[in-house]
């Protein structure tokens, strides 16, 4: 399982940048979009990323951006 924060954060940054529409939906209060982002990150790591860590990092990044 991949727990390398920097690698996961880089993937998250790329995915957020590639999906501005979903980012807007999340900011508009659609929490279900978080699942989309988690899925994209897990896909990028072929399911090997730590899902709990992905969730935490994603929440932080989506609310900070």
C-alpha atoms as a PDB file:
ATOM      1  CA  UNK A   1       0.000   0.000   0.000  1.00  0.00           C
ATOM      2  CA  UNK A   2       1.287   3.463  -0.880  1.00  0.00           C
ATOM      3  CA  UNK A   3       1.458   5.953   1.989  1.00  0.00           C
ATOM      4  CA  UNK A   4       3.936   8.429   0.491  1.00  0.00           C
ATOM      5  CA  UNK A   5       2.242  11.761   1.226  1.00  0.00           C
ATOM      6  CA  UNK A   6       4.202  13.717  -1.364  1.00  0.00           C
ATOM      7  CA  UNK A   7       3.344  11.282  -4.171  1.00  0.00           C
ATOM      8  CA  UNK A   8      -0.321  11.240  -3.172  1.00  0.00           C
ATOM      9  CA  UNK A   9      -0.422  15.043  -2.851  1.00  0.00           C
ATOM     10  CA  UNK A  10       1.098  15.437  -6.313  1.00  0.00           C
ATOM     11  CA  UNK A  11      -1.546  13.141  -7.793  1.00  0.00           C
ATOM     12  CA  UNK A  12      -4.270  15.050  -5.932  1.00  0.00           C
ATOM     13  CA  UNK A  13      -2.977  18.386  -7.269  1.00  0.00           C
ATOM     14  CA  UNK A  14      -2.976  17.020 -10.818  1.00  0.00           C
ATOM     15  CA  UNK A  15      -6.484  15.575 -10.489  1.00  0.00           C
ATOM     16  CA  UNK A  16      -7.916  18.761  -8.960  1.00  0.00           C
ATOM     17  CA  UNK A  17      -6.325  20.824 -11.743  1.00  0.00           C
ATOM     18  CA  UNK A  18      -7.758  18.483 -14.385  1.00  0.00           C
ATOM     19  CA  UNK A  19     -11.298  18.611 -12.940  1.00  0.00           C
ATOM     20  CA  UNK A  20     -12.247  22.241 -12.229  1.00  0.00           C
ATOM     21  CA  UNK A  21     -15.948  21.509 -12.702  1.00  0.00           C
ATOM     22  CA  UNK A  22     -15.976  18.903  -9.940  1.00  0.00           C
ATOM     23  CA  UNK A  23     -13.979  21.257  -7.711  1.00  0.00           C
ATOM     24  CA  UNK A  24     -16.673  23.917  -8.140  1.00  0.00           C
ATOM     25  CA  UNK A  25     -19.380  21.361  -7.350  1.00  0.00           C
ATOM     26  CA  UNK A  26     -17.557  20.369  -4.160  1.00  0.00           C
ATOM     27  CA  UNK A  27     -17.220  24.005  -3.115  1.00  0.00           C
ATOM     28  CA  UNK A  28     -20.917  24.511  -3.844  1.00  0.00           C
ATOM     29  CA  UNK A  29     -21.650  21.952  -1.126  1.00  0.00           C
ATOM     30  CA  UNK A  30     -21.855  18.700  -3.075  1.00  0.00           C
ATOM     31  CA  UNK A  31     -19.868  16.459  -0.727  1.00  0.00           C
ATOM     32  CA  UNK A  32     -20.504  13.409  -2.916  1.00  0.00           C
ATOM     33  CA  UNK A  33     -17.959  14.818  -5.376  1.00  0.00           C
ATOM     34  CA  UNK A  34     -15.296  13.889  -2.813  1.00  0.00           C
ATOM     35  CA  UNK A  35     -15.959  10.265  -3.774  1.00  0.00           C
ATOM     36  CA  UNK A  36     -15.198  11.118  -7.400  1.00  0.00           C
ATOM     37  CA  UNK A  37     -11.842  12.615  -6.412  1.00  0.00           C
ATOM     38  CA  UNK A  38     -11.007   9.665  -4.134  1.00  0.00           C
ATOM     39  CA  UNK A  39     -11.805   7.318  -7.015  1.00  0.00           C
ATOM     40  CA  UNK A  40      -9.561   9.231  -9.399  1.00  0.00           C
ATOM     41  CA  UNK A  41      -6.651   9.168  -6.943  1.00  0.00           C
ATOM     42  CA  UNK A  42      -7.129   5.447  -6.252  1.00  0.00           C
ATOM     43  CA  UNK A  43      -7.235   4.823 -10.006  1.00  0.00           C
ATOM     44  CA  UNK A  44      -3.987   6.768 -10.445  1.00  0.00           C
ATOM     45  CA  UNK A  45      -2.333   4.463  -7.896  1.00  0.00           C
ATOM     46  CA  UNK A  46      -4.063   1.339  -9.221  1.00  0.00           C
ATOM     47  CA  UNK A  47      -5.897   0.947  -5.901  1.00  0.00           C
ATOM     48  CA  UNK A  48      -2.682   0.798  -3.890  1.00  0.00           C
ATOM     49  CA  UNK A  49      -2.910   4.183  -2.135  1.00  0.00           C
ATOM     50  CA  UNK A  50      -3.992   4.313   1.501  1.00  0.00           C
ATOM     51  CA  UNK A  51      -7.678   5.332   1.185  1.00  0.00           C
ATOM     52  CA  UNK A  52      -7.846   6.969   4.613  1.00  0.00           C
ATOM     53  CA  UNK A  53      -4.792   9.076   3.829  1.00  0.00           C
ATOM     54  CA  UNK A  54      -6.172   9.943   0.381  1.00  0.00           C
ATOM     55  CA  UNK A  55      -9.415  11.087   2.023  1.00  0.00           C
ATOM     56  CA  UNK A  56      -7.653  13.288   4.584  1.00  0.00           C
ATOM     57  CA  UNK A  57      -5.294  14.879   2.054  1.00  0.00           C
ATOM     58  CA  UNK A  58      -8.110  15.452  -0.429  1.00  0.00           C
ATOM     59  CA  UNK A  59     -10.346  17.137   2.149  1.00  0.00           C
ATOM     60  CA  UNK A  60      -7.488  19.402   3.181  1.00  0.00           C
ATOM     61  CA  UNK A  61      -6.590  20.309  -0.412  1.00  0.00           C
ATOM     62  CA  UNK A  62     -10.178  20.824  -1.572  1.00  0.00           C
ATOM     63  CA  UNK A  63     -10.986  23.164   1.307  1.00  0.00           C
ATOM     64  CA  UNK A  64      -7.652  25.046   1.092  1.00  0.00           C
ATOM     65  CA  UNK A  65      -7.554  25.736  -2.647  1.00  0.00           C
END
